[in-house]
Structures are given as C-alpha cells and as structure tokens.
C-alpha cells in the first residue's frame, strides 16, 4: 500500500480539499508548519499531538514534498486571505478567535 494513502486522507472543506492525517483532524499543513517553520522534530510533534504517530508525521512531510508547489500556493492564499480580513476588519479576527477559545 502507498504509505501516503495509508496515513493521509483528502477531505472536502471550506476552500477546497485538504490533506490531513487519516482518522484525525490534523492537517498536513499543520505538520509542515510545525516542522518546517517552527523547527519542531517528529518527536516534538508527536509529543505535542500524541494521537498521531511518527509514521503519520513522516507521511505528512512526504505528502508535502510530493505536492510542494500546490501546497505552498494554497498556504500563501490562506495567509493572504487572513491578512486581507485583518485589514478590512481590524480587531475582528482576534474577537472571533477569542470567542472560540472561550466557547
């Protein structure tokens, strides 16, 4: 069986399909950010999110590297959307995030 398919599933969501770790709500994008941008090791990611395995982390990273251009483009689009929302609605995003944390 293809390792990526064993560990990664594609789910429909707002903004189109998103790859995530099979059986969990952890997106491949999340693993990429933790590893590539925050410098977390696979051990640290598994410690931080104990419901996933090392194999899940490495499969997510392999999926990213196999689909890097498309994923980078989607992540950039997401960042641009957030920046535009913050520009148009200063403070509103913080209110929404705070209400979700408390709710």
Protein backbone atom coordinates (compact mmCIF):
# COMPACT_ATOMS: atom_id res chain seq x y z
CA UNK A 1 0.00 0.00 0.00
CA UNK A 2 1.14 3.57 -0.72
CA UNK A 3 2.42 4.96 2.59
CA UNK A 4 0.91 8.38 1.96
CA UNK A 5 -2.53 6.87 1.30
CA UNK A 6 -2.24 4.68 4.38
CA UNK A 7 -1.63 7.75 6.58
CA UNK A 8 -3.11 10.67 4.62
CA UNK A 9 -6.69 11.32 3.54
CA UNK A 10 -8.13 14.13 1.46
CA UNK A 11 -11.25 15.74 2.93
CA UNK A 12 -13.52 18.36 1.45
CA UNK A 13 -13.68 21.59 3.35
CA UNK A 14 -14.03 25.33 3.02
CA UNK A 15 -11.63 26.46 0.34
CA UNK A 16 -11.42 23.05 -1.29
CA UNK A 17 -9.96 19.64 -0.48
CA UNK A 18 -7.39 19.40 2.30
CA UNK A 19 -4.96 16.59 3.08
CA UNK A 20 -4.92 15.50 6.69
CA UNK A 21 -3.72 12.61 8.79
CA UNK A 22 -6.16 9.75 8.33
CA UNK A 23 -8.65 9.50 11.15
CA UNK A 24 -7.60 12.79 12.75
CA UNK A 25 -8.27 16.48 12.22
CA UNK A 26 -4.56 17.27 11.97
CA UNK A 27 -3.85 18.79 8.57
CA UNK A 28 -0.70 18.08 6.58
CA UNK A 29 -0.29 21.87 6.54
CA UNK A 30 -0.15 21.89 10.35
CA UNK A 31 2.64 19.30 10.40
CA UNK A 32 4.53 21.23 7.73
CA UNK A 33 4.31 24.48 9.69
CA UNK A 34 5.41 22.80 12.93
CA UNK A 35 8.34 21.08 11.23
CA UNK A 36 9.46 23.49 8.51
CA UNK A 37 8.64 26.89 10.02
CA UNK A 38 8.84 26.24 13.77
CA UNK A 39 11.67 23.72 13.57
CA UNK A 40 9.93 21.01 15.58
CA UNK A 41 11.27 17.47 15.25
CA UNK A 42 9.00 14.49 14.62
CA UNK A 43 9.46 13.56 18.30
CA UNK A 44 8.32 17.03 19.39
CA UNK A 45 5.30 16.95 17.08
CA UNK A 46 4.21 13.55 18.40
CA UNK A 47 4.74 14.78 21.96
CA UNK A 48 2.65 17.88 21.17
CA UNK A 49 -0.07 15.86 19.35
CA UNK A 50 0.10 12.39 20.95
CA UNK A 51 -2.81 10.93 18.97
CA UNK A 52 -0.64 10.81 15.83
CA UNK A 53 2.39 8.62 15.22
CA UNK A 54 5.88 9.21 13.89
CA UNK A 55 4.79 7.42 10.71
CA UNK A 56 1.92 9.91 10.38
CA UNK A 57 4.34 12.84 10.71
CA UNK A 58 6.76 11.46 8.13
CA UNK A 59 3.90 10.58 5.75
CA UNK A 60 2.58 14.14 6.07
CA UNK A 61 6.03 15.53 5.29
CA UNK A 62 6.42 13.14 2.34
CA UNK A 63 3.00 14.19 1.05
CA UNK A 64 4.06 17.83 1.33
CA UNK A 65 7.31 17.29 -0.55
CA UNK A 66 5.48 15.34 -3.27
CA UNK A 67 2.95 18.20 -3.62
CA UNK A 68 5.05 21.14 -2.51
CA UNK A 69 4.15 23.68 -5.22
CA UNK A 70 0.40 23.22 -4.85
CA UNK A 71 0.53 23.17 -1.04
CA UNK A 72 2.77 26.25 -0.86
CA UNK A 73 0.38 28.08 -3.16
CA UNK A 74 -2.64 27.12 -1.00
CA UNK A 75 -0.84 28.16 2.20
CA UNK A 76 0.10 31.51 0.64
CA UNK A 77 -3.51 32.04 -0.45
CA UNK A 78 -4.66 31.29 3.10
CA UNK A 79 -2.17 33.76 4.57
CA UNK A 80 -3.26 36.41 2.05
CA UNK A 81 -6.90 35.85 2.98
CA UNK A 82 -6.17 36.30 6.69
CA UNK A 83 -4.13 39.44 6.03
CA UNK A 84 -6.91 40.92 3.89
CA UNK A 85 -9.54 40.03 6.50
CA UNK A 86 -7.45 41.70 9.21
CA UNK A 87 -7.01 44.78 7.03
CA UNK A 88 -10.75 45.06 6.34
CA UNK A 89 -11.86 44.13 9.85
CA UNK A 90 -9.20 45.27 12.32
CA UNK A 91 -9.60 43.51 15.65
CA UNK A 92 -12.50 41.31 14.44
CA UNK A 93 -10.35 38.23 13.82
CA UNK A 94 -8.96 38.44 17.35
CA UNK A 95 -12.54 38.69 18.70
CA UNK A 96 -13.59 35.61 16.73
CA UNK A 97 -10.57 33.58 17.84
CA UNK A 98 -11.01 34.63 21.47
CA UNK A 99 -14.72 33.67 21.44
CA UNK A 100 -13.84 30.24 20.02
CA UNK A 101 -11.23 29.68 22.74
CA UNK A 102 -13.69 30.61 25.48
CA UNK A 103 -16.75 28.97 23.88
